[in-house]
Amino acid sequence: MEKYLEELKKYAEKNHIPIISESGCDFLINFLKKIQPQKILEIGTAIGYSGSKMLLSLLNTNLITVEKKSEFVQFAYSTFKTVGVLNRAKIIHGDAFDVIQTFPRQSFDFIFLDGPKGQYLKYYPYIKNILKKGGYIFVDNIYFHNLVLGPKFVKHKLRTIVVNLRKFIDIISTDSEVKTTFYNIGDGIAIINKL
């Protein structure tokens, strides 16, 4: 399995498909092993790399993963089948904003947020609603190539993403219903714990 996932990672790099960094993935897996969630929601399936890594490290966990691009849905299905986790993975093809509004309250004990960065702000009230008390939201790429942190010039096409991520950081930092911790790992990680 590891050899296949290593090849998958190389394929993603070669084809500019965004997947979690190696340091971010190690951190994610170690965190998951500690908390042992039963039901995970992943926003942003891509080719099924992080979903496979999560399921292979948690033998009693089920995953629902949401992906907008149809070519990625097919690819992820094949990945899950190859690594032997298809029986515990459900791929939903659709826009995450629409999909997350269909889940009942407190459906998940862990949410891996790795979809379109500019949408995190819009998703937040809904994903917080479907997260169980005591559950965690793991946010990848929170610093977005370090553009979010500094006063660096931000290209026009990236400006909305950066502005929205800054607003998102403000909200999760000041929301009294959660406790948020930031980690300078990979492209920045935030872990939000619902109190």
N, C-alpha and C. Protein backbone atom coordinates (compact mmCIF):
# COMPACT_ATOMS: atom_id res chain seq x y z
N MET A 1 0.82 -1.21 0.00
CA MET A 1 0.00 0.00 0.00
C MET A 1 0.86 1.27 0.00
N GLU A 2 1.89 1.27 0.86
CA GLU A 2 2.73 2.47 0.98
C GLU A 2 3.42 2.79 -0.35
N LYS A 3 3.84 1.74 -1.05
CA LYS A 3 4.51 1.95 -2.33
C LYS A 3 3.55 2.59 -3.33
N TYR A 4 2.32 2.09 -3.34
CA TYR A 4 1.30 2.65 -4.24
C TYR A 4 1.03 4.12 -3.90
N LEU A 5 0.91 4.43 -2.60
CA LEU A 5 0.63 5.81 -2.17
C LEU A 5 1.81 6.74 -2.46
N GLU A 6 3.01 6.18 -2.40
CA GLU A 6 4.21 6.96 -2.75
C GLU A 6 4.17 7.34 -4.24
N GLU A 7 3.78 6.37 -5.07
CA GLU A 7 3.64 6.63 -6.51
C GLU A 7 2.54 7.65 -6.77
N LEU A 8 1.47 7.55 -6.01
CA LEU A 8 0.34 8.47 -6.12
C LEU A 8 0.78 9.90 -5.80
N LYS A 9 1.61 10.03 -4.77
CA LYS A 9 2.13 11.34 -4.37
C LYS A 9 2.98 11.93 -5.50
N LYS A 10 3.81 11.10 -6.11
CA LYS A 10 4.65 11.56 -7.22
C LYS A 10 3.78 11.99 -8.40
N TYR A 11 2.74 11.21 -8.66
CA TYR A 11 1.81 11.53 -9.75
C TYR A 11 1.16 12.90 -9.50
N ALA A 12 0.75 13.14 -8.26
CA ALA A 12 0.10 14.41 -7.89
C ALA A 12 1.06 15.58 -8.10
N GLU A 13 2.30 15.40 -7.67
CA GLU A 13 3.30 16.46 -7.82
C GLU A 13 3.56 16.77 -9.30
N LYS A 14 3.71 15.71 -10.07
CA LYS A 14 3.99 15.86 -11.50
C LYS A 14 2.85 16.54 -12.24
N ASN A 15 1.62 16.26 -11.82
CA ASN A 15 0.45 16.79 -12.51
C ASN A 15 -0.20 17.99 -11.81
N HIS A 16 0.53 18.55 -10.84
CA HIS A 16 0.08 19.74 -10.11
C HIS A 16 -1.30 19.55 -9.46
N ILE A 17 -1.49 18.37 -8.89
CA ILE A 17 -2.73 18.09 -8.16
C ILE A 17 -2.44 18.35 -6.68
N PRO A 18 -3.20 19.26 -6.06
CA PRO A 18 -2.88 19.59 -4.67
C PRO A 18 -3.23 18.45 -3.70
N ILE A 19 -2.22 17.99 -2.97
CA ILE A 19 -2.46 17.01 -1.90
C ILE A 19 -1.73 17.51 -0.66
N ILE A 20 -2.04 16.95 0.47
CA ILE A 20 -1.44 17.37 1.73
C ILE A 20 0.08 17.14 1.71
N SER A 21 0.83 18.07 2.31
CA SER A 21 2.29 17.92 2.36
C SER A 21 2.66 16.73 3.23
N GLU A 22 3.89 16.27 3.06
CA GLU A 22 4.34 15.11 3.84
C GLU A 22 4.33 15.40 5.35
N SER A 23 4.83 16.58 5.73
CA SER A 23 4.85 16.93 7.15
C SER A 23 3.43 17.10 7.69
N GLY A 24 2.56 17.70 6.87
CA GLY A 24 1.16 17.86 7.26
C GLY A 24 0.45 16.52 7.41
N CYS A 25 0.76 15.60 6.50
CA CYS A 25 0.14 14.27 6.53
C CYS A 25 0.60 13.49 7.77
N ASP A 26 1.88 13.55 8.08
CA ASP A 26 2.40 12.87 9.28
C ASP A 26 1.71 13.40 10.54
N PHE A 27 1.57 14.72 10.59
CA PHE A 27 0.92 15.36 11.73
C PHE A 27 -0.55 14.94 11.84
N LEU A 28 -1.24 14.94 10.68
CA LEU A 28 -2.64 14.52 10.62
C LEU A 28 -2.81 13.09 11.13
N ILE A 29 -2.00 12.17 10.63
CA ILE A 29 -2.13 10.76 10.99
C ILE A 29 -1.84 10.54 12.48
N ASN A 30 -0.81 11.18 13.00
CA ASN A 30 -0.50 11.05 14.43
C ASN A 30 -1.63 11.58 15.29
N PHE A 31 -2.23 12.69 14.86
CA PHE A 31 -3.35 13.27 15.60
C PHE A 31 -4.55 12.33 15.57
N LEU A 32 -4.84 11.77 14.41
CA LEU A 32 -5.98 10.86 14.27
C LEU A 32 -5.79 9.59 15.11
N LYS A 33 -4.58 9.08 15.15
CA LYS A 33 -4.31 7.88 15.96
C LYS A 33 -4.58 8.14 17.44
N LYS A 34 -4.33 9.39 17.87
CA LYS A 34 -4.58 9.77 19.26
C LYS A 34 -6.07 9.84 19.58
N ILE A 35 -6.84 10.44 18.67
CA ILE A 35 -8.27 10.70 18.98
C ILE A 35 -9.21 9.59 18.50
N GLN A 36 -8.77 8.77 17.53
CA GLN A 36 -9.55 7.63 17.03
C GLN A 36 -11.01 7.98 16.69
N PRO A 37 -11.23 8.88 15.72
CA PRO A 37 -12.61 9.22 15.35
C PRO A 37 -13.31 8.06 14.65
N GLN A 38 -14.62 8.00 14.81
CA GLN A 38 -15.42 6.93 14.18
C GLN A 38 -15.88 7.34 12.78
N LYS A 39 -16.22 8.62 12.63
CA LYS A 39 -16.79 9.09 11.37
C LYS A 39 -16.14 10.40 10.93
N ILE A 40 -15.48 10.35 9.78
CA ILE A 40 -14.74 11.50 9.25
C ILE A 40 -15.45 12.05 8.02
N LEU A 41 -15.50 13.37 7.94
CA LEU A 41 -15.91 14.04 6.70
C LEU A 41 -14.67 14.72 6.13
N GLU A 42 -14.42 14.48 4.85
CA GLU A 42 -13.30 15.14 4.16
C GLU A 42 -13.88 16.03 3.07
N ILE A 43 -13.49 17.29 3.08
CA ILE A 43 -13.92 18.20 2.02
C ILE A 43 -12.73 18.43 1.11
N GLY A 44 -12.82 17.89 -0.10
CA GLY A 44 -11.72 17.94 -1.06
C GLY A 44 -11.04 16.59 -1.16
N THR A 45 -11.61 15.70 -1.96
CA THR A 45 -11.10 14.33 -2.09
C THR A 45 -9.83 14.29 -2.93
N ALA A 46 -9.84 15.09 -4.01
CA ALA A 46 -8.80 15.02 -5.05
C ALA A 46 -8.66 13.56 -5.53
N ILE A 47 -7.45 13.00 -5.48
CA ILE A 47 -7.24 11.64 -6.03
C ILE A 47 -7.30 10.55 -4.95
N GLY A 48 -7.76 10.94 -3.76
CA GLY A 48 -7.95 9.94 -2.70
C GLY A 48 -6.73 9.66 -1.85
N TYR A 49 -5.72 10.52 -1.96
CA TYR A 49 -4.47 10.28 -1.22
C TYR A 49 -4.68 10.41 0.29
N SER A 50 -5.15 11.57 0.74
CA SER A 50 -5.30 11.77 2.20
C SER A 50 -6.38 10.87 2.77
N GLY A 51 -7.46 10.65 2.01
CA GLY A 51 -8.52 9.74 2.46
C GLY A 51 -7.98 8.34 2.70
N SER A 52 -7.14 7.87 1.79
CA SER A 52 -6.53 6.54 1.94
C SER A 52 -5.60 6.49 3.15
N LYS A 53 -4.79 7.53 3.30
CA LYS A 53 -3.86 7.58 4.44
C LYS A 53 -4.63 7.52 5.76
N MET A 54 -5.73 8.27 5.83
CA MET A 54 -6.52 8.30 7.06
C MET A 54 -7.14 6.94 7.35
N LEU A 55 -7.77 6.34 6.35
CA LEU A 55 -8.45 5.05 6.56
C LEU A 55 -7.48 3.91 6.84
N LEU A 56 -6.30 3.96 6.24
CA LEU A 56 -5.32 2.90 6.49
C LEU A 56 -4.74 2.98 7.91
N SER A 57 -4.81 4.17 8.50
CA SER A 57 -4.27 4.31 9.86
C SER A 57 -5.34 4.12 10.93
N LEU A 58 -6.61 4.09 10.53
CA LEU A 58 -7.73 3.95 11.47
C LEU A 58 -8.63 2.82 11.00
N LEU A 59 -8.52 1.68 11.62
CA LEU A 59 -9.20 0.49 11.09
C LEU A 59 -10.69 0.42 11.40
N ASN A 60 -11.17 1.25 12.35
CA ASN A 60 -12.60 1.21 12.70
C ASN A 60 -13.32 2.50 12.33
N THR A 61 -12.79 3.19 11.34
CA THR A 61 -13.32 4.50 10.98
C THR A 61 -13.94 4.47 9.59
N ASN A 62 -15.03 5.25 9.43
CA ASN A 62 -15.66 5.42 8.12
C ASN A 62 -15.46 6.86 7.64
N LEU A 63 -15.35 6.99 6.32
CA LEU A 63 -15.07 8.29 5.72
C LEU A 63 -16.14 8.64 4.70
N ILE A 64 -16.63 9.88 4.79
CA ILE A 64 -17.43 10.45 3.70
C ILE A 64 -16.58 11.57 3.13
N THR A 65 -16.36 11.55 1.83
CA THR A 65 -15.49 12.55 1.22
C THR A 65 -16.22 13.20 0.04
N VAL A 66 -16.06 14.51 -0.08
CA VAL A 66 -16.81 15.30 -1.06
C VAL A 66 -15.87 15.90 -2.09
N GLU A 67 -16.19 15.70 -3.36
CA GLU A 67 -15.35 16.20 -4.45
C GLU A 67 -16.22 16.74 -5.59
N LYS A 68 -15.85 17.90 -6.09
CA LYS A 68 -16.62 18.55 -7.15
C LYS A 68 -16.24 18.05 -8.55
N LYS A 69 -14.95 17.77 -8.76
CA LYS A 69 -14.49 17.40 -10.11
C LYS A 69 -14.74 15.92 -10.39
N SER A 70 -15.46 15.65 -11.48
CA SER A 70 -15.84 14.26 -11.78
C SER A 70 -14.63 13.37 -12.07
N GLU A 71 -13.57 13.93 -12.70
CA GLU A 71 -12.39 13.10 -12.99
C GLU A 71 -11.68 12.68 -11.70
N PHE A 72 -11.73 13.53 -10.68
CA PHE A 72 -11.14 13.17 -9.38
C PHE A 72 -11.98 12.12 -8.66
N VAL A 73 -13.30 12.21 -8.82
CA VAL A 73 -14.19 11.22 -8.18
C VAL A 73 -13.85 9.82 -8.69
N GLN A 74 -13.68 9.69 -10.00
CA GLN A 74 -13.34 8.39 -10.60
C GLN A 74 -11.96 7.92 -10.12
N PHE A 75 -11.03 8.85 -10.08
CA PHE A 75 -9.66 8.52 -9.67
C PHE A 75 -9.64 8.06 -8.20
N ALA A 76 -10.34 8.80 -7.35
CA ALA A 76 -10.37 8.47 -5.92
C ALA A 76 -11.02 7.10 -5.68
N TYR A 77 -12.07 6.83 -6.44
CA TYR A 77 -12.74 5.52 -6.33
C TYR A 77 -11.73 4.40 -6.60
N SER A 78 -10.96 4.58 -7.66
CA SER A 78 -9.93 3.60 -8.03
C SER A 78 -8.85 3.49 -6.94
N THR A 79 -8.45 4.63 -6.38
CA THR A 79 -7.44 4.64 -5.30
C THR A 79 -7.95 3.86 -4.09
N PHE A 80 -9.16 4.17 -3.65
CA PHE A 80 -9.73 3.50 -2.47
C PHE A 80 -9.85 1.99 -2.69
N LYS A 81 -10.21 1.63 -3.92
CA LYS A 81 -10.34 0.21 -4.25
C LYS A 81 -8.97 -0.47 -4.20
N THR A 82 -7.97 0.17 -4.78
CA THR A 82 -6.62 -0.39 -4.84
C THR A 82 -6.03 -0.59 -3.45
N VAL A 83 -6.23 0.37 -2.55
CA VAL A 83 -5.63 0.25 -1.22
C VAL A 83 -6.50 -0.53 -0.24
N GLY A 84 -7.70 -0.94 -0.70
CA GLY A 84 -8.54 -1.83 0.10
C GLY A 84 -9.39 -1.16 1.16
N VAL A 85 -9.77 0.11 0.93
CA VAL A 85 -10.60 0.81 1.93
C VAL A 85 -11.96 1.24 1.38
N LEU A 86 -12.28 0.78 0.19
CA LEU A 86 -13.52 1.21 -0.47
C LEU A 86 -14.77 0.91 0.35
N ASN A 87 -14.74 -0.17 1.12
CA ASN A 87 -15.90 -0.55 1.95
C ASN A 87 -16.15 0.44 3.10
N ARG A 88 -15.15 1.30 3.40
CA ARG A 88 -15.32 2.27 4.49
C ARG A 88 -15.31 3.71 3.99
N ALA A 89 -15.32 3.87 2.66
CA ALA A 89 -15.27 5.22 2.07
C ALA A 89 -16.49 5.45 1.18
N LYS A 90 -17.10 6.61 1.35
CA LYS A 90 -18.21 7.00 0.47
C LYS A 90 -17.83 8.33 -0.18
N ILE A 91 -17.79 8.34 -1.50
CA ILE A 91 -17.44 9.56 -2.23
C ILE A 91 -18.72 10.23 -2.70
N ILE A 92 -18.88 11.49 -2.35
CA ILE A 92 -20.04 12.26 -2.83
C ILE A 92 -19.53 13.24 -3.87
N HIS A 93 -20.11 13.15 -5.07
CA HIS A 93 -19.74 14.04 -6.16
C HIS A 93 -20.67 15.25 -6.10
N GLY A 94 -20.09 16.40 -5.77
CA GLY A 94 -20.91 17.60 -5.70
C GLY A 94 -20.16 18.76 -5.11
N ASP A 95 -20.83 19.90 -5.05
CA ASP A 95 -20.26 21.10 -4.46
C ASP A 95 -20.36 20.98 -2.94
N ALA A 96 -19.23 21.14 -2.26
CA ALA A 96 -19.19 20.92 -0.81
C ALA A 96 -20.18 21.81 -0.06
N PHE A 97 -20.35 23.05 -0.52
CA PHE A 97 -21.25 23.97 0.18
C PHE A 97 -22.69 23.44 0.18
N ASP A 98 -23.10 22.85 -0.94
CA ASP A 98 -24.45 22.27 -1.02
C ASP A 98 -24.53 20.99 -0.18
N VAL A 99 -23.49 20.16 -0.28
CA VAL A 99 -23.49 18.85 0.38
C VAL A 99 -23.52 18.98 1.90
N ILE A 100 -22.69 19.89 2.46
CA ILE A 100 -22.61 19.97 3.93
C ILE A 100 -23.92 20.42 4.56
N GLN A 101 -24.78 21.06 3.77
CA GLN A 101 -26.07 21.50 4.31
C GLN A 101 -27.10 20.36 4.38
N THR A 102 -26.74 19.20 3.82
CA THR A 102 -27.67 18.07 3.82
C THR A 102 -27.46 17.13 5.01
N PHE A 103 -26.35 17.30 5.74
CA PHE A 103 -26.07 16.39 6.86
C PHE A 103 -26.81 16.85 8.12
N PRO A 104 -27.29 15.89 8.92
CA PRO A 104 -27.91 16.28 10.20
C PRO A 104 -26.88 16.83 11.18
N ARG A 105 -27.37 17.52 12.20
CA ARG A 105 -26.49 18.09 13.23
C ARG A 105 -25.64 17.01 13.89
N GLN A 106 -24.42 17.38 14.25
CA GLN A 106 -23.50 16.50 14.98
C GLN A 106 -23.34 15.12 14.32
N SER A 107 -23.07 15.14 13.03
CA SER A 107 -22.92 13.87 12.29
C SER A 107 -21.51 13.30 12.34
N PHE A 108 -20.51 14.16 12.56
CA PHE A 108 -19.11 13.74 12.43
C PHE A 108 -18.31 14.09 13.67
N ASP A 109 -17.31 13.25 13.99
CA ASP A 109 -16.42 13.62 15.09
C ASP A 109 -15.08 14.16 14.60
N PHE A 110 -14.87 14.15 13.27
CA PHE A 110 -13.65 14.75 12.72
C PHE A 110 -13.96 15.23 11.30
N ILE A 111 -13.54 16.45 11.01
CA ILE A 111 -13.73 17.00 9.66
C ILE A 111 -12.37 17.47 9.14
N PHE A 112 -11.99 16.94 7.98
CA PHE A 112 -10.73 17.34 7.35
C PHE A 112 -11.08 18.32 6.23
N LEU A 113 -10.73 19.57 6.47
CA LEU A 113 -11.09 20.65 5.54
C LEU A 113 -9.90 20.96 4.65
N ASP A 114 -10.01 20.53 3.38
CA ASP A 114 -8.90 20.70 2.45
C ASP A 114 -9.43 20.98 1.04
N GLY A 115 -10.53 21.72 0.99
CA GLY A 115 -11.13 22.06 -0.29
C GLY A 115 -10.67 23.44 -0.76
N PRO A 116 -11.53 24.14 -1.51
CA PRO A 116 -11.17 25.47 -2.00
C PRO A 116 -11.00 26.47 -0.84
N LYS A 117 -9.81 27.03 -0.73
CA LYS A 117 -9.43 27.83 0.45
C LYS A 117 -10.33 29.06 0.65
N GLY A 118 -10.71 29.68 -0.45
CA GLY A 118 -11.54 30.88 -0.36
C GLY A 118 -12.94 30.63 0.18
N GLN A 119 -13.32 29.34 0.26
CA GLN A 119 -14.68 28.98 0.71
C GLN A 119 -14.75 28.60 2.20
N TYR A 120 -13.60 28.48 2.86
CA TYR A 120 -13.61 28.04 4.27
C TYR A 120 -14.53 28.92 5.13
N LEU A 121 -14.48 30.21 4.89
CA LEU A 121 -15.29 31.18 5.64
C LEU A 121 -16.79 30.87 5.49
N LYS A 122 -17.18 30.59 4.26
CA LYS A 122 -18.59 30.29 3.95
C LYS A 122 -19.03 28.95 4.55
N TYR A 123 -18.10 27.97 4.54
CA TYR A 123 -18.42 26.63 5.06
C TYR A 123 -18.57 26.60 6.58
N TYR A 124 -17.81 27.47 7.26
CA TYR A 124 -17.60 27.31 8.70
C TYR A 124 -18.87 27.11 9.54
N PRO A 125 -19.91 27.96 9.42
CA PRO A 125 -21.09 27.76 10.29
C PRO A 125 -21.73 26.39 10.08
N TYR A 126 -21.67 25.88 8.85
CA TYR A 126 -22.31 24.60 8.53
C TYR A 126 -21.48 23.42 9.03
N ILE A 127 -20.15 23.51 8.86
CA ILE A 127 -19.33 22.38 9.33
C ILE A 127 -19.28 22.34 10.85
N LYS A 128 -19.35 23.51 11.46
CA LYS A 128 -19.38 23.54 12.93
C LYS A 128 -20.68 22.87 13.43
N ASN A 129 -21.76 23.10 12.71
CA ASN A 129 -23.06 22.54 13.07
C ASN A 129 -23.09 21.01 12.97
N ILE A 130 -22.39 20.46 11.98
CA ILE A 130 -22.44 18.99 11.78
C ILE A 130 -21.32 18.26 12.53
N LEU A 131 -20.50 19.03 13.25
CA LEU A 131 -19.43 18.45 14.08
C LEU A 131 -19.97 18.16 15.47
N LYS A 132 -19.67 16.97 15.99
CA LYS A 132 -20.10 16.62 17.35
C LYS A 132 -19.34 17.47 18.37
N LYS A 133 -19.94 17.66 19.55
CA LYS A 133 -19.24 18.35 20.64
C LYS A 133 -18.03 17.52 21.01
N GLY A 134 -16.90 18.19 21.19
CA GLY A 134 -15.66 17.48 21.49
C GLY A 134 -14.91 17.08 20.23
N GLY A 135 -15.55 17.24 19.07
CA GLY A 135 -14.94 16.87 17.79
C GLY A 135 -13.96 17.92 17.29
N TYR A 136 -13.28 17.58 16.20
CA TYR A 136 -12.21 18.43 15.67
C TYR A 136 -12.40 18.71 14.19
N ILE A 137 -12.05 19.94 13.80
CA ILE A 137 -11.91 20.30 12.39
C ILE A 137 -10.41 20.52 12.16
N PHE A 138 -9.88 19.81 11.20
CA PHE A 138 -8.45 19.92 10.86
C PHE A 138 -8.37 20.68 9.54
N VAL A 139 -7.80 21.89 9.60
CA VAL A 139 -7.77 22.77 8.41
C VAL A 139 -6.36 22.78 7.84
N ASP A 140 -6.25 22.38 6.57
CA ASP A 140 -4.94 22.39 5.91
C ASP A 140 -4.79 23.68 5.09
N ASN A 141 -3.54 24.06 4.84
CA ASN A 141 -3.20 25.24 4.00
C ASN A 141 -3.77 26.55 4.54
N ILE A 142 -3.82 26.68 5.85
CA ILE A 142 -4.42 27.86 6.48
C ILE A 142 -3.62 29.14 6.16
N TYR A 143 -2.30 29.00 5.88
CA TYR A 143 -1.48 30.19 5.60
C TYR A 143 -1.32 30.45 4.10
N PHE A 144 -1.79 29.53 3.28
CA PHE A 144 -1.83 29.70 1.82
C PHE A 144 -0.54 30.30 1.25
N HIS A 145 0.48 29.45 1.21
CA HIS A 145 1.82 29.83 0.69
C HIS A 145 2.39 31.03 1.45
N ASN A 146 2.02 31.14 2.73
CA ASN A 146 2.46 32.24 3.61
C ASN A 146 1.94 33.62 3.20
N LEU A 147 1.03 33.67 2.23
CA LEU A 147 0.47 34.96 1.80
C LEU A 147 -0.46 35.54 2.86
N VAL A 148 -1.08 34.65 3.64
CA VAL A 148 -2.05 35.08 4.66
C VAL A 148 -1.34 35.81 5.82
N LEU A 149 -0.12 35.41 6.10
CA LEU A 149 0.58 35.90 7.29
C LEU A 149 1.15 37.30 7.13
N GLY A 150 1.69 37.58 5.98
CA GLY A 150 2.50 38.79 5.89
C GLY A 150 1.86 39.89 5.07
N PRO A 151 2.56 41.03 5.02
CA PRO A 151 2.08 42.15 4.23
C PRO A 151 2.51 42.06 2.76
N LYS A 152 2.95 40.84 2.36
CA LYS A 152 3.44 40.67 0.99
C LYS A 152 2.37 41.07 -0.01
N PHE A 153 2.83 41.50 -1.18
CA PHE A 153 1.90 41.83 -2.26
C PHE A 153 1.19 40.55 -2.70
N VAL A 154 -0.11 40.63 -2.83
CA VAL A 154 -0.90 39.47 -3.25
C VAL A 154 -1.49 39.75 -4.62
N LYS A 155 -1.20 38.85 -5.57
CA LYS A 155 -1.73 39.01 -6.93
C LYS A 155 -3.24 39.11 -6.90
N HIS A 156 -3.78 39.86 -7.84
CA HIS A 156 -5.23 40.12 -7.88
C HIS A 156 -6.05 38.83 -7.84
N LYS A 157 -5.62 37.81 -8.62
CA LYS A 157 -6.43 36.58 -8.71
C LYS A 157 -6.42 35.77 -7.40
N LEU A 158 -5.45 36.05 -6.52
CA LEU A 158 -5.38 35.34 -5.23
C LEU A 158 -5.90 36.17 -4.06
N ARG A 159 -6.19 37.44 -4.33
CA ARG A 159 -6.53 38.36 -3.24
C ARG A 159 -7.77 37.93 -2.46
N THR A 160 -8.81 37.50 -3.15
CA THR A 160 -10.06 37.10 -2.47
C THR A 160 -9.81 35.92 -1.55
N ILE A 161 -9.02 34.94 -2.01
CA ILE A 161 -8.70 33.77 -1.18
C ILE A 161 -7.99 34.21 0.10
N VAL A 162 -6.99 35.09 -0.06
CA VAL A 162 -6.20 35.55 1.09
C VAL A 162 -7.07 36.34 2.07
N VAL A 163 -7.88 37.25 1.56
CA VAL A 163 -8.78 38.06 2.41
C VAL A 163 -9.75 37.15 3.16
N ASN A 164 -10.33 36.18 2.46
CA ASN A 164 -11.29 35.26 3.09
C ASN A 164 -10.63 34.38 4.15
N LEU A 165 -9.40 33.93 3.88
CA LEU A 165 -8.68 33.12 4.87
C LEU A 165 -8.35 33.95 6.10
N ARG A 166 -7.99 35.20 5.91
CA ARG A 166 -7.71 36.08 7.07
C ARG A 166 -8.97 36.26 7.92
N LYS A 167 -10.10 36.45 7.27
CA LYS A 167 -11.38 36.59 7.99
C LYS A 167 -11.72 35.29 8.72
N PHE A 168 -11.48 34.17 8.04
CA PHE A 168 -11.74 32.85 8.63
C PHE A 168 -10.89 32.64 9.89
N ILE A 169 -9.62 33.02 9.80
CA ILE A 169 -8.71 32.91 10.96
C ILE A 169 -9.22 33.77 12.12
N ASP A 170 -9.68 34.97 11.81
CA ASP A 170 -10.24 35.85 12.85
C ASP A 170 -11.43 35.19 13.54
N ILE A 171 -12.31 34.60 12.74
CA ILE A 171 -13.53 33.99 13.29
C ILE A 171 -13.21 32.78 14.17
N ILE A 172 -12.35 31.89 13.68
CA ILE A 172 -12.06 30.68 14.46
C ILE A 172 -11.20 30.98 15.69
N SER A 173 -10.51 32.13 15.66
CA SER A 173 -9.69 32.53 16.81
C SER A 173 -10.53 33.15 17.92
N THR A 174 -11.68 33.71 17.56
CA THR A 174 -12.48 34.46 18.53
C THR A 174 -13.81 33.77 18.88
N ASP A 175 -14.13 32.68 18.20
CA ASP A 175 -15.39 31.95 18.44
C ASP A 175 -15.32 31.27 19.82
N SER A 176 -16.21 31.66 20.71
CA SER A 176 -16.18 31.12 22.09
C SER A 176 -16.66 29.67 22.18
N GLU A 177 -17.24 29.16 21.10
CA GLU A 177 -17.73 27.77 21.11
C GLU A 177 -16.65 26.77 20.71
N VAL A 178 -15.48 27.27 20.34
CA VAL A 178 -14.39 26.38 19.92
C VAL A 178 -13.07 26.85 20.53
N LYS A 179 -12.10 25.93 20.49
CA LYS A 179 -10.72 26.29 20.86
C LYS A 179 -9.85 25.97 19.65
N THR A 180 -9.15 26.95 19.14
CA THR A 180 -8.36 26.77 17.92
C THR A 180 -6.87 26.88 18.22
N THR A 181 -6.12 25.93 17.68
CA THR A 181 -4.66 25.95 17.81
C THR A 181 -4.06 25.95 16.40
N PHE A 182 -3.06 26.81 16.20
CA PHE A 182 -2.40 26.93 14.90
C PHE A 182 -1.01 26.28 14.96
N TYR A 183 -0.65 25.63 13.86
CA TYR A 183 0.65 24.96 13.79
C TYR A 183 1.36 25.39 12.51
N ASN A 184 2.63 25.73 12.65
CA ASN A 184 3.42 26.14 11.49
C ASN A 184 4.03 24.90 10.84
N ILE A 185 3.17 24.05 10.31
CA ILE A 185 3.57 22.78 9.69
C ILE A 185 3.05 22.79 8.26
N GLY A 186 3.89 22.37 7.32
CA GLY A 186 3.47 22.38 5.92
C GLY A 186 3.12 23.80 5.51
N ASP A 187 1.90 23.98 5.01
CA ASP A 187 1.43 25.29 4.57
C ASP A 187 0.54 25.93 5.64
N GLY A 188 0.74 25.49 6.88
CA GLY A 188 -0.06 26.01 7.99
C GLY A 188 -1.26 25.12 8.27
N ILE A 189 -1.44 24.77 9.53
CA ILE A 189 -2.55 23.90 9.94
C ILE A 189 -3.26 24.56 11.12
N ALA A 190 -4.59 24.49 11.11
CA ALA A 190 -5.37 24.91 12.28
C ALA A 190 -6.18 23.71 12.74
N ILE A 191 -6.21 23.50 14.05
CA ILE A 191 -7.07 22.45 14.60
C ILE A 191 -8.10 23.13 15.49
N ILE A 192 -9.36 22.95 15.12
CA ILE A 192 -10.48 23.58 15.83
C ILE A 192 -11.20 22.50 16.64
N ASN A 193 -11.26 22.71 17.94
CA ASN A 193 -11.92 21.75 18.84
C ASN A 193 -13.24 22.36 19.30
N LYS A 194 -14.36 21.67 19.00
CA LYS A 194 -15.68 22.18 19.40
C LYS A 194 -15.92 21.85 20.87
N LEU A 195 -16.14 22.89 21.65
CA LEU A 195 -16.28 22.74 23.10
C LEU A 195 -17.68 22.28 23.50
